[in-house]
Amino acid sequence: MAIQFTELLNPGNGNLPIRVARGHFATSHSHINYYIDLTQTKYKLSEAREAAVQLASRFKGTTIIDTILCLDGTEVIGACMASELTKVGFTSVNANRTIYIVTPEHTTGSQLIFRDNTAPMIVGKHVLVLAASVTTGYTAQGAIEAVRYYGGMVVGVCSILATSTECFGYQVTSIFRTQDLLSDYESKPSYECPLCRAGQKLDAMVNTYGISGF
Protein backbone atom coordinates (compact mmCIF):
# COMPACT_ATOMS: atom_id res chain seq x y z
CA MET A 1 0.00 0.00 0.00
CA ALA A 2 1.34 3.44 -0.94
CA ILE A 3 2.30 5.68 1.96
CA GLN A 4 -0.05 8.64 2.22
CA PHE A 5 1.39 12.10 2.86
CA THR A 6 -0.31 15.15 4.30
CA GLU A 7 1.06 18.66 3.85
CA LEU A 8 1.29 20.85 6.95
CA LEU A 9 2.09 24.55 7.15
CA ASN A 10 2.91 26.17 10.45
CA PRO A 11 1.64 29.72 10.98
CA GLY A 12 4.51 32.21 11.03
CA ASN A 13 6.82 30.12 8.86
CA GLY A 14 6.05 31.71 5.52
CA ASN A 15 5.60 29.44 2.54
CA LEU A 16 7.50 26.50 3.96
CA PRO A 17 5.33 23.37 4.02
CA ILE A 18 6.16 20.07 5.67
CA ARG A 19 4.94 16.71 4.32
CA VAL A 20 4.18 14.01 6.89
CA ALA A 21 2.99 10.41 6.81
CA ARG A 22 1.66 8.44 9.76
CA GLY A 23 2.78 4.84 10.18
CA HIS A 24 5.53 2.66 11.61
CA PHE A 25 8.99 3.63 10.40
CA ALA A 26 12.53 2.60 11.33
CA THR A 27 15.59 4.86 11.28
CA SER A 28 19.13 3.74 12.05
CA HIS A 29 18.66 4.81 15.68
CA SER A 30 14.96 4.56 16.49
CA HIS A 31 11.40 3.73 15.51
CA ILE A 32 9.02 6.61 14.78
CA ASN A 33 5.26 6.86 14.24
CA TYR A 34 5.51 9.69 11.69
CA TYR A 35 7.84 10.16 8.75
CA ILE A 36 8.46 13.84 8.11
CA ASP A 37 9.67 14.37 4.56
CA LEU A 38 12.14 17.26 4.21
CA THR A 39 13.15 16.47 0.62
CA GLN A 40 11.55 19.55 -0.94
CA THR A 41 13.04 21.84 1.68
CA LYS A 42 16.53 20.45 1.10
CA TYR A 43 16.54 20.29 -2.70
CA LYS A 44 13.98 22.78 -4.04
CA LEU A 45 15.69 26.16 -4.30
CA SER A 46 12.68 28.29 -3.34
CA GLU A 47 12.05 26.26 -0.18
CA ALA A 48 15.75 25.96 0.65
CA ARG A 49 16.12 29.72 0.36
CA GLU A 50 13.10 30.31 2.61
CA ALA A 51 14.52 27.91 5.22
CA ALA A 52 17.91 29.62 4.97
CA VAL A 53 16.46 33.08 5.52
CA GLN A 54 14.61 31.93 8.62
CA LEU A 55 17.62 30.13 10.12
CA ALA A 56 20.16 32.83 9.20
CA SER A 57 18.06 35.48 10.94
CA ARG A 58 18.74 33.74 14.27
CA PHE A 59 22.53 34.13 13.86
CA LYS A 60 23.03 37.17 11.65
CA GLY A 61 23.49 39.78 14.36
CA THR A 62 25.11 37.72 17.08
CA THR A 63 27.31 34.90 15.81
CA ILE A 64 30.57 34.92 13.86
CA ILE A 65 30.49 32.04 11.38
CA ASP A 66 33.43 30.89 9.25
CA THR A 67 32.09 27.51 8.19
CA ILE A 68 28.68 25.88 7.84
CA LEU A 69 28.99 22.13 8.31
CA CYS A 70 26.15 20.59 6.31
CA LEU A 71 24.67 17.24 7.37
CA ASP A 72 21.85 15.20 5.83
CA GLY A 73 22.10 16.74 2.36
CA THR A 74 21.56 20.35 3.47
CA GLU A 75 24.22 21.89 1.21
CA VAL A 76 21.71 23.99 -0.77
CA ILE A 77 20.31 25.46 2.44
CA GLY A 78 23.86 25.99 3.73
CA ALA A 79 24.86 27.90 0.60
CA CYS A 80 21.73 30.06 0.82
CA MET A 81 22.45 30.71 4.50
CA ALA A 82 26.00 31.79 3.70
CA SER A 83 24.67 34.19 1.07
CA GLU A 84 22.18 35.60 3.57
CA LEU A 85 24.68 35.89 6.40
CA THR A 86 27.29 37.71 4.31
CA LYS A 87 24.95 40.38 2.97
CA VAL A 88 26.04 43.90 3.87
CA GLY A 89 23.93 45.26 6.71
CA PHE A 90 24.39 46.83 10.09
CA THR A 91 22.80 43.83 11.81
CA SER A 92 25.18 41.27 10.30
CA VAL A 93 28.46 40.41 12.02
CA ASN A 94 29.36 38.29 8.97
CA ALA A 95 29.02 40.97 6.28
CA ASN A 96 31.60 40.54 3.51
CA ARG A 97 33.09 37.48 5.22
CA THR A 98 33.98 34.29 3.40
CA ILE A 99 31.95 31.36 4.68
CA TYR A 100 32.91 27.80 3.78
CA ILE A 101 30.21 25.21 3.01
CA VAL A 102 31.56 21.80 4.05
CA THR A 103 30.16 18.27 4.06
CA PRO A 104 31.92 15.66 6.21
CA GLU A 105 32.92 12.24 4.98
CA HIS A 106 31.52 9.21 6.81
CA THR A 107 33.73 6.20 7.48
CA THR A 108 32.36 2.66 7.47
CA GLY A 109 32.10 2.98 11.25
CA SER A 110 29.93 6.11 10.85
CA GLN A 111 32.67 8.41 12.12
CA LEU A 112 32.97 11.84 10.53
CA ILE A 113 36.30 12.79 8.99
CA PHE A 114 37.75 15.65 6.95
CA ARG A 115 40.46 15.17 4.35
CA ASP A 116 43.62 17.27 4.21
CA ASN A 117 42.02 19.61 1.70
CA THR A 118 38.87 20.29 3.76
CA ALA A 119 40.24 20.10 7.31
CA PRO A 120 41.62 23.70 7.10
CA MET A 121 38.01 24.84 6.74
CA ILE A 122 37.37 23.44 10.23
CA VAL A 123 40.65 23.95 12.13
CA GLY A 124 40.48 27.14 14.17
CA LYS A 125 37.16 28.13 12.55
CA HIS A 126 33.81 29.14 14.01
CA VAL A 127 31.58 26.29 12.79
CA LEU A 128 27.80 26.23 12.58
CA VAL A 129 26.36 22.71 12.39
CA LEU A 130 23.39 22.48 10.02
CA ALA A 131 21.21 19.34 9.96
CA ALA A 132 17.93 18.50 8.28
CA SER A 133 16.57 17.25 11.60
CA VAL A 134 17.71 16.77 15.16
CA THR A 135 15.61 14.01 16.72
CA THR A 136 17.75 11.44 18.52
CA GLY A 137 20.68 13.87 18.30
CA TYR A 138 23.24 11.20 17.38
CA THR A 139 24.18 12.74 14.03
CA ALA A 140 24.53 16.27 15.39
CA GLN A 141 26.53 15.00 18.35
CA GLY A 142 28.90 13.17 16.00
CA ALA A 143 29.39 16.39 14.04
CA ILE A 144 30.11 18.38 17.19
CA GLU A 145 32.67 15.83 18.34
CA ALA A 146 34.34 15.84 14.89
CA VAL A 147 34.59 19.64 14.82
CA ARG A 148 36.16 19.64 18.27
CA TYR A 149 38.58 16.86 17.31
CA TYR A 150 39.80 18.82 14.31
CA GLY A 151 40.26 21.97 16.36
CA GLY A 152 37.19 23.90 15.32
CA MET A 153 34.82 25.87 17.55
CA VAL A 154 31.12 24.96 17.37
CA VAL A 155 29.09 28.17 17.54
CA GLY A 156 25.64 26.65 17.13
CA VAL A 157 23.42 23.82 15.93
CA CYS A 158 20.48 24.46 13.63
CA SER A 159 18.01 22.37 11.67
CA ILE A 160 14.76 22.45 9.76
CA LEU A 161 13.13 20.17 12.32
CA ALA A 162 13.96 19.29 15.93
CA THR A 163 12.39 17.42 18.82
CA SER A 164 14.25 19.37 21.50
CA THR A 165 16.01 22.68 22.04
CA GLU A 166 19.32 21.20 23.23
CA CYS A 167 21.91 18.78 21.87
CA PHE A 168 25.19 17.85 23.54
CA GLY A 169 25.19 21.10 25.52
CA TYR A 170 24.32 23.33 22.55
CA GLN A 171 21.04 25.09 21.89
CA VAL A 172 19.27 23.77 18.81
CA THR A 173 17.77 26.44 16.58
CA SER A 174 15.04 25.02 14.35
CA ILE A 175 12.23 26.20 12.12
CA PHE A 176 9.83 23.47 13.14
CA ARG A 177 9.38 21.52 16.37
CA THR A 178 7.81 18.09 16.09
CA GLN A 179 5.64 18.89 19.10
CA ASP A 180 4.20 21.91 17.31
CA LEU A 181 3.45 19.92 14.15
CA LEU A 182 2.37 16.60 15.65
CA SER A 183 1.30 16.41 19.27
CA ASP A 184 1.49 12.59 19.31
CA TYR A 185 4.88 12.23 17.58
CA GLU A 186 7.02 9.50 19.16
CA SER A 187 10.61 8.38 18.63
CA LYS A 188 11.63 5.26 20.59
CA PRO A 189 14.44 2.71 20.56
CA SER A 190 13.25 -0.42 18.76
CA TYR A 191 13.10 -2.40 22.00
CA GLU A 192 10.72 0.21 23.49
CA CYS A 193 8.59 0.76 20.39
CA PRO A 194 4.86 0.49 21.26
CA LEU A 195 4.00 -0.29 17.63
CA CYS A 196 6.35 -3.28 17.64
CA ARG A 197 4.86 -4.48 20.91
CA ALA A 198 1.39 -4.21 19.35
CA GLY A 199 2.55 -6.40 16.46
CA GLN A 200 2.35 -3.67 13.82
CA LYS A 201 4.77 -4.31 10.97
CA LEU A 202 7.11 -1.65 9.65
CA ASP A 203 5.81 0.43 6.76
CA ALA A 204 9.22 1.64 5.60
CA MET A 205 12.86 2.25 6.37
CA VAL A 206 13.88 5.90 6.44
CA ASN A 207 17.17 7.75 6.51
CA THR A 208 18.68 11.03 5.38
CA TYR A 209 18.22 10.06 1.72
CA GLY A 210 14.51 9.37 2.01
CA ILE A 211 12.06 6.53 2.45
CA SER A 212 11.90 2.93 1.18
CA GLY A 213 8.61 1.14 1.68
CA PHE A 214 8.09 -2.62 1.85
C-alpha atoms as a PDB file:
ATOM      1  CA  MET A   1       0.000   0.000   0.000  1.00  0.00           C
ATOM      2  CA  ALA A   2       1.342   3.438  -0.936  1.00  0.00           C
ATOM      3  CA  ILE A   3       2.304   5.678   1.958  1.00  0.00           C
ATOM      4  CA  GLN A   4      -0.049   8.641   2.216  1.00  0.00           C
ATOM      5  CA  PHE A   5       1.395  12.097   2.862  1.00  0.00           C
ATOM      6  CA  THR A   6      -0.313  15.152   4.298  1.00  0.00           C
ATOM      7  CA  GLU A   7       1.063  18.663   3.848  1.00  0.00           C
ATOM      8  CA  LEU A   8       1.285  20.850   6.951  1.00  0.00           C
ATOM      9  CA  LEU A   9       2.091  24.547   7.149  1.00  0.00           C
ATOM     10  CA  ASN A  10       2.906  26.171  10.454  1.00  0.00           C
ATOM     11  CA  PRO A  11       1.640  29.718  10.980  1.00  0.00           C
ATOM     12  CA  GLY A  12       4.505  32.214  11.034  1.00  0.00           C
ATOM     13  CA  ASN A  13       6.825  30.116   8.860  1.00  0.00           C
ATOM     14  CA  GLY A  14       6.048  31.712   5.524  1.00  0.00           C
ATOM     15  CA  ASN A  15       5.595  29.438   2.538  1.00  0.00           C
ATOM     16  CA  LEU A  16       7.500  26.504   3.958  1.00  0.00           C
ATOM     17  CA  PRO A  17       5.329  23.371   4.020  1.00  0.00           C
ATOM     18  CA  ILE A  18       6.159  20.065   5.669  1.00  0.00           C
ATOM     19  CA  ARG A  19       4.940  16.713   4.325  1.00  0.00           C
ATOM     20  CA  VAL A  20       4.177  14.009   6.893  1.00  0.00           C
ATOM     21  CA  ALA A  21       2.992  10.407   6.812  1.00  0.00           C
ATOM     22  CA  ARG A  22       1.660   8.439   9.761  1.00  0.00           C
ATOM     23  CA  GLY A  23       2.783   4.844  10.180  1.00  0.00           C
ATOM     24  CA  HIS A  24       5.530   2.656  11.608  1.00  0.00           C
ATOM     25  CA  PHE A  25       8.994   3.627  10.403  1.00  0.00           C
ATOM     26  CA  ALA A  26      12.531   2.602  11.326  1.00  0.00           C
ATOM     27  CA  THR A  27      15.586   4.858  11.278  1.00  0.00           C
ATOM     28  CA  SER A  28      19.128   3.738  12.055  1.00  0.00           C
ATOM     29  CA  HIS A  29      18.656   4.810  15.681  1.00  0.00           C
ATOM     30  CA  SER A  30      14.956   4.561  16.491  1.00  0.00           C
ATOM     31  CA  HIS A  31      11.401   3.726  15.508  1.00  0.00           C
ATOM     32  CA  ILE A  32       9.021   6.608  14.783  1.00  0.00           C
ATOM     33  CA  ASN A  33       5.260   6.864  14.239  1.00  0.00           C
ATOM     34  CA  TYR A  34       5.514   9.688  11.693  1.00  0.00           C
ATOM     35  CA  TYR A  35       7.837  10.163   8.748  1.00  0.00           C
ATOM     36  CA  ILE A  36       8.464  13.844   8.113  1.00  0.00           C
ATOM     37  CA  ASP A  37       9.666  14.373   4.555  1.00  0.00           C
ATOM     38  CA  LEU A  38      12.140  17.257   4.209  1.00  0.00           C
ATOM     39  CA  THR A  39      13.149  16.471   0.620  1.00  0.00           C
ATOM     40  CA  GLN A  40      11.550  19.551  -0.944  1.00  0.00           C
ATOM     41  CA  THR A  41      13.041  21.841   1.682  1.00  0.00           C
ATOM     42  CA  LYS A  42      16.530  20.453   1.097  1.00  0.00           C
ATOM     43  CA  TYR A  43      16.539  20.290  -2.699  1.00  0.00           C
ATOM     44  CA  LYS A  44      13.984  22.778  -4.045  1.00  0.00           C
ATOM     45  CA  LEU A  45      15.686  26.162  -4.303  1.00  0.00           C
ATOM     46  CA  SER A  46      12.685  28.292  -3.341  1.00  0.00           C
ATOM     47  CA  GLU A  47      12.053  26.264  -0.180  1.00  0.00           C
ATOM     48  CA  ALA A  48      15.749  25.955   0.654  1.00  0.00           C
ATOM     49  CA  ARG A  49      16.122  29.725   0.359  1.00  0.00           C
ATOM     50  CA  GLU A  50      13.097  30.307   2.611  1.00  0.00           C
ATOM     51  CA  ALA A  51      14.520  27.913   5.224  1.00  0.00           C
ATOM     52  CA  ALA A  52      17.915  29.616   4.972  1.00  0.00           C
ATOM     53  CA  VAL A  53      16.464  33.079   5.521  1.00  0.00           C
ATOM     54  CA  GLN A  54      14.608  31.926   8.624  1.00  0.00           C
ATOM     55  CA  LEU A  55      17.623  30.131  10.115  1.00  0.00           C
ATOM     56  CA  ALA A  56      20.156  32.831   9.200  1.00  0.00           C
ATOM     57  CA  SER A  57      18.057  35.477  10.938  1.00  0.00           C
ATOM     58  CA  ARG A  58      18.740  33.742  14.275  1.00  0.00           C
ATOM     59  CA  PHE A  59      22.525  34.129  13.856  1.00  0.00           C
ATOM     60  CA  LYS A  60      23.030  37.171  11.655  1.00  0.00           C
ATOM     61  CA  GLY A  61      23.490  39.784  14.359  1.00  0.00           C
ATOM     62  CA  THR A  62      25.109  37.717  17.081  1.00  0.00           C
ATOM     63  CA  THR A  63      27.310  34.904  15.806  1.00  0.00           C
ATOM     64  CA  ILE A  64      30.565  34.922  13.859  1.00  0.00           C
ATOM     65  CA  ILE A  65      30.495  32.039  11.377  1.00  0.00           C
ATOM     66  CA  ASP A  66      33.434  30.891   9.251  1.00  0.00           C
ATOM     67  CA  THR A  67      32.086  27.509   8.187  1.00  0.00           C
ATOM     68  CA  ILE A  68      28.684  25.879   7.840  1.00  0.00           C
ATOM     69  CA  LEU A  69      28.990  22.127   8.311  1.00  0.00           C
ATOM     70  CA  CYS A  70      26.151  20.586   6.308  1.00  0.00           C
ATOM     71  CA  LEU A  71      24.671  17.242   7.368  1.00  0.00           C
ATOM     72  CA  ASP A  72      21.851  15.195   5.830  1.00  0.00           C
ATOM     73  CA  GLY A  73      22.102  16.744   2.361  1.00  0.00           C
ATOM     74  CA  THR A  74      21.556  20.347   3.467  1.00  0.00           C
ATOM     75  CA  GLU A  75      24.218  21.892   1.208  1.00  0.00           C
ATOM     76  CA  VAL A  76      21.710  23.990  -0.766  1.00  0.00           C
ATOM     77  CA  ILE A  77      20.314  25.462   2.443  1.00  0.00           C
ATOM     78  CA  GLY A  78      23.855  25.990   3.731  1.00  0.00           C
ATOM     79  CA  ALA A  79      24.859  27.903   0.597  1.00  0.00           C
ATOM     80  CA  CYS A  80      21.735  30.056   0.816  1.00  0.00           C
ATOM     81  CA  MET A  81      22.454  30.709   4.501  1.00  0.00           C
ATOM     82  CA  ALA A  82      26.004  31.789   3.699  1.00  0.00           C
ATOM     83  CA  SER A  83      24.669  34.189   1.072  1.00  0.00           C
ATOM     84  CA  GLU A  84      22.175  35.602   3.565  1.00  0.00           C
ATOM     85  CA  LEU A  85      24.682  35.892   6.401  1.00  0.00           C
ATOM     86  CA  THR A  86      27.289  37.710   4.311  1.00  0.00           C
ATOM     87  CA  LYS A  87      24.952  40.382   2.973  1.00  0.00           C
ATOM     88  CA  VAL A  88      26.036  43.895   3.865  1.00  0.00           C
ATOM     89  CA  GLY A  89      23.932  45.257   6.706  1.00  0.00           C
ATOM     90  CA  PHE A  90      24.389  46.830  10.088  1.00  0.00           C
ATOM     91  CA  THR A  91      22.797  43.828  11.814  1.00  0.00           C
ATOM     92  CA  SER A  92      25.181  41.269  10.298  1.00  0.00           C
ATOM     93  CA  VAL A  93      28.457  40.408  12.018  1.00  0.00           C
ATOM     94  CA  ASN A  94      29.358  38.288   8.970  1.00  0.00           C
ATOM     95  CA  ALA A  95      29.019  40.970   6.285  1.00  0.00           C
ATOM     96  CA  ASN A  96      31.596  40.541   3.508  1.00  0.00           C
ATOM     97  CA  ARG A  97      33.093  37.484   5.222  1.00  0.00           C
ATOM     98  CA  THR A  98      33.981  34.289   3.399  1.00  0.00           C
ATOM     99  CA  ILE A  99      31.947  31.364   4.683  1.00  0.00           C
ATOM    100  CA  TYR A 100      32.905  27.797   3.777  1.00  0.00           C
ATOM    101  CA  ILE A 101      30.211  25.210   3.008  1.00  0.00           C
ATOM    102  CA  VAL A 102      31.560  21.802   4.048  1.00  0.00           C
ATOM    103  CA  THR A 103      30.164  18.269   4.061  1.00  0.00           C
ATOM    104  CA  PRO A 104      31.919  15.660   6.214  1.00  0.00           C
ATOM    105  CA  GLU A 105      32.916  12.236   4.981  1.00  0.00           C
ATOM    106  CA  HIS A 106      31.522   9.209   6.809  1.00  0.00           C
ATOM    107  CA  THR A 107      33.730   6.197   7.475  1.00  0.00           C
ATOM    108  CA  THR A 108      32.359   2.659   7.470  1.00  0.00           C
ATOM    109  CA  GLY A 109      32.095   2.983  11.251  1.00  0.00           C
ATOM    110  CA  SER A 110      29.931   6.109  10.855  1.00  0.00           C
ATOM    111  CA  GLN A 111      32.670   8.411  12.120  1.00  0.00           C
ATOM    112  CA  LEU A 112      32.967  11.840  10.530  1.00  0.00           C
ATOM    113  CA  ILE A 113      36.305  12.790   8.988  1.00  0.00           C
ATOM    114  CA  PHE A 114      37.750  15.647   6.949  1.00  0.00           C
ATOM    115  CA  ARG A 115      40.462  15.170   4.354  1.00  0.00           C
ATOM    116  CA  ASP A 116      43.622  17.269   4.210  1.00  0.00           C
ATOM    117  CA  ASN A 117      42.017  19.613   1.698  1.00  0.00           C
ATOM    118  CA  THR A 118      38.870  20.293   3.760  1.00  0.00           C
ATOM    119  CA  ALA A 119      40.244  20.105   7.309  1.00  0.00           C
ATOM    120  CA  PRO A 120      41.619  23.695   7.100  1.00  0.00           C
ATOM    121  CA  MET A 121      38.007  24.843   6.739  1.00  0.00           C
ATOM    122  CA  ILE A 122      37.374  23.437  10.231  1.00  0.00           C
ATOM    123  CA  VAL A 123      40.650  23.948  12.125  1.00  0.00           C
ATOM    124  CA  GLY A 124      40.476  27.137  14.170  1.00  0.00           C
ATOM    125  CA  LYS A 125      37.164  28.127  12.550  1.00  0.00           C
ATOM    126  CA  HIS A 126      33.811  29.137  14.008  1.00  0.00           C
ATOM    127  CA  VAL A 127      31.582  26.293  12.786  1.00  0.00           C
ATOM    128  CA  LEU A 128      27.798  26.235  12.582  1.00  0.00           C
ATOM    129  CA  VAL A 129      26.361  22.710  12.389  1.00  0.00           C
ATOM    130  CA  LEU A 130      23.387  22.484  10.019  1.00  0.00           C
ATOM    131  CA  ALA A 131      21.209  19.342   9.960  1.00  0.00           C
ATOM    132  CA  ALA A 132      17.928  18.499   8.276  1.00  0.00           C
ATOM    133  CA  SER A 133      16.566  17.247  11.596  1.00  0.00           C
ATOM    134  CA  VAL A 134      17.713  16.774  15.163  1.00  0.00           C
ATOM    135  CA  THR A 135      15.612  14.010  16.720  1.00  0.00           C
ATOM    136  CA  THR A 136      17.748  11.441  18.522  1.00  0.00           C
ATOM    137  CA  GLY A 137      20.680  13.865  18.298  1.00  0.00           C
ATOM    138  CA  TYR A 138      23.243  11.196  17.384  1.00  0.00           C
ATOM    139  CA  THR A 139      24.177  12.737  14.032  1.00  0.00           C
ATOM    140  CA  ALA A 140      24.525  16.267  15.386  1.00  0.00           C
ATOM    141  CA  GLN A 141      26.526  14.999  18.354  1.00  0.00           C
ATOM    142  CA  GLY A 142      28.899  13.171  16.004  1.00  0.00           C
ATOM    143  CA  ALA A 143      29.392  16.390  14.042  1.00  0.00           C
ATOM    144  CA  ILE A 144      30.106  18.381  17.191  1.00  0.00           C
ATOM    145  CA  GLU A 145      32.673  15.828  18.335  1.00  0.00           C
ATOM    146  CA  ALA A 146      34.341  15.841  14.894  1.00  0.00           C
ATOM    147  CA  VAL A 147      34.595  19.641  14.819  1.00  0.00           C
ATOM    148  CA  ARG A 148      36.160  19.642  18.275  1.00  0.00           C
ATOM    149  CA  TYR A 149      38.576  16.857  17.313  1.00  0.00           C
ATOM    150  CA  TYR A 150      39.800  18.822  14.310  1.00  0.00           C
ATOM    151  CA  GLY A 151      40.263  21.971  16.363  1.00  0.00           C
ATOM    152  CA  GLY A 152      37.186  23.902  15.319  1.00  0.00           C
ATOM    153  CA  MET A 153      34.817  25.865  17.546  1.00  0.00           C
ATOM    154  CA  VAL A 154      31.122  24.962  17.365  1.00  0.00           C
ATOM    155  CA  VAL A 155      29.090  28.167  17.545  1.00  0.00           C
ATOM    156  CA  GLY A 156      25.642  26.649  17.131  1.00  0.00           C
ATOM    157  CA  VAL A 157      23.424  23.822  15.928  1.00  0.00           C
ATOM    158  CA  CYS A 158      20.480  24.461  13.632  1.00  0.00           C
ATOM    159  CA  SER A 159      18.005  22.367  11.667  1.00  0.00           C
ATOM    160  CA  ILE A 160      14.764  22.446   9.762  1.00  0.00           C
ATOM    161  CA  LEU A 161      13.131  20.172  12.316  1.00  0.00           C
ATOM    162  CA  ALA A 162      13.957  19.287  15.926  1.00  0.00           C
ATOM    163  CA  THR A 163      12.389  17.416  18.820  1.00  0.00           C
ATOM    164  CA  SER A 164      14.255  19.365  21.499  1.00  0.00           C
ATOM    165  CA  THR A 165      16.009  22.675  22.043  1.00  0.00           C
ATOM    166  CA  GLU A 166      19.323  21.202  23.230  1.00  0.00           C
ATOM    167  CA  CYS A 167      21.915  18.779  21.871  1.00  0.00           C
ATOM    168  CA  PHE A 168      25.189  17.853  23.544  1.00  0.00           C
ATOM    169  CA  GLY A 169      25.190  21.095  25.523  1.00  0.00           C
ATOM    170  CA  TYR A 170      24.322  23.333  22.555  1.00  0.00           C
ATOM    171  CA  GLN A 171      21.044  25.095  21.894  1.00  0.00           C
ATOM    172  CA  VAL A 172      19.271  23.766  18.809  1.00  0.00           C
ATOM    173  CA  THR A 173      17.768  26.445  16.584  1.00  0.00           C
ATOM    174  CA  SER A 174      15.039  25.023  14.351  1.00  0.00           C
ATOM    175  CA  ILE A 175      12.235  26.201  12.120  1.00  0.00           C
ATOM    176  CA  PHE A 176       9.825  23.466  13.138  1.00  0.00           C
ATOM    177  CA  ARG A 177       9.379  21.520  16.367  1.00  0.00           C
ATOM    178  CA  THR A 178       7.811  18.095  16.086  1.00  0.00           C
ATOM    179  CA  GLN A 179       5.644  18.886  19.103  1.00  0.00           C
ATOM    180  CA  ASP A 180       4.196  21.912  17.306  1.00  0.00           C
ATOM    181  CA  LEU A 181       3.448  19.925  14.154  1.00  0.00           C
ATOM    182  CA  LEU A 182       2.366  16.600  15.645  1.00  0.00           C
ATOM    183  CA  SER A 183       1.300  16.412  19.270  1.00  0.00           C
ATOM    184  CA  ASP A 184       1.486  12.594  19.307  1.00  0.00           C
ATOM    185  CA  TYR A 185       4.884  12.234  17.576  1.00  0.00           C
ATOM    186  CA  GLU A 186       7.018   9.505  19.160  1.00  0.00           C
ATOM    187  CA  SER A 187      10.605   8.379  18.635  1.00  0.00           C
ATOM    188  CA  LYS A 188      11.625   5.263  20.586  1.00  0.00           C
ATOM    189  CA  PRO A 189      14.443   2.713  20.561  1.00  0.00           C
ATOM    190  CA  SER A 190      13.251  -0.415  18.757  1.00  0.00           C
ATOM    191  CA  TYR A 191      13.098  -2.399  22.000  1.00  0.00           C
ATOM    192  CA  GLU A 192      10.721   0.209  23.486  1.00  0.00           C
ATOM    193  CA  CYS A 193       8.589   0.759  20.389  1.00  0.00           C
ATOM    194  CA  PRO A 194       4.859   0.485  21.256  1.00  0.00           C
ATOM    195  CA  LEU A 195       4.004  -0.293  17.633  1.00  0.00           C
ATOM    196  CA  CYS A 196       6.354  -3.285  17.641  1.00  0.00           C
ATOM    197  CA  ARG A 197       4.861  -4.483  20.913  1.00  0.00           C
ATOM    198  CA  ALA A 198       1.391  -4.209  19.347  1.00  0.00           C
ATOM    199  CA  GLY A 199       2.552  -6.399  16.463  1.00  0.00           C
ATOM    200  CA  GLN A 200       2.348  -3.669  13.816  1.00  0.00           C
ATOM    201  CA  LYS A 201       4.771  -4.310  10.971  1.00  0.00           C
ATOM    202  CA  LEU A 202       7.106  -1.652   9.653  1.00  0.00           C
ATOM    203  CA  ASP A 203       5.814   0.432   6.758  1.00  0.00           C
ATOM    204  CA  ALA A 204       9.221   1.636   5.603  1.00  0.00           C
ATOM    205  CA  MET A 205      12.860   2.246   6.371  1.00  0.00           C
ATOM    206  CA  VAL A 206      13.881   5.902   6.438  1.00  0.00           C
ATOM    207  CA  ASN A 207      17.174   7.749   6.509  1.00  0.00           C
ATOM    208  CA  THR A 208      18.676  11.031   5.381  1.00  0.00           C
ATOM    209  CA  TYR A 209      18.215  10.059   1.722  1.00  0.00           C
ATOM    210  CA  GLY A 210      14.509   9.369   2.014  1.00  0.00           C
ATOM    211  CA  ILE A 211      12.060   6.527   2.454  1.00  0.00           C
ATOM    212  CA  SER A 212      11.899   2.934   1.181  1.00  0.00           C
ATOM    213  CA  GLY A 213       8.608   1.141   1.678  1.00  0.00           C
ATOM    214  CA  PHE A 214       8.094  -2.620   1.845  1.00  0.00           C
END
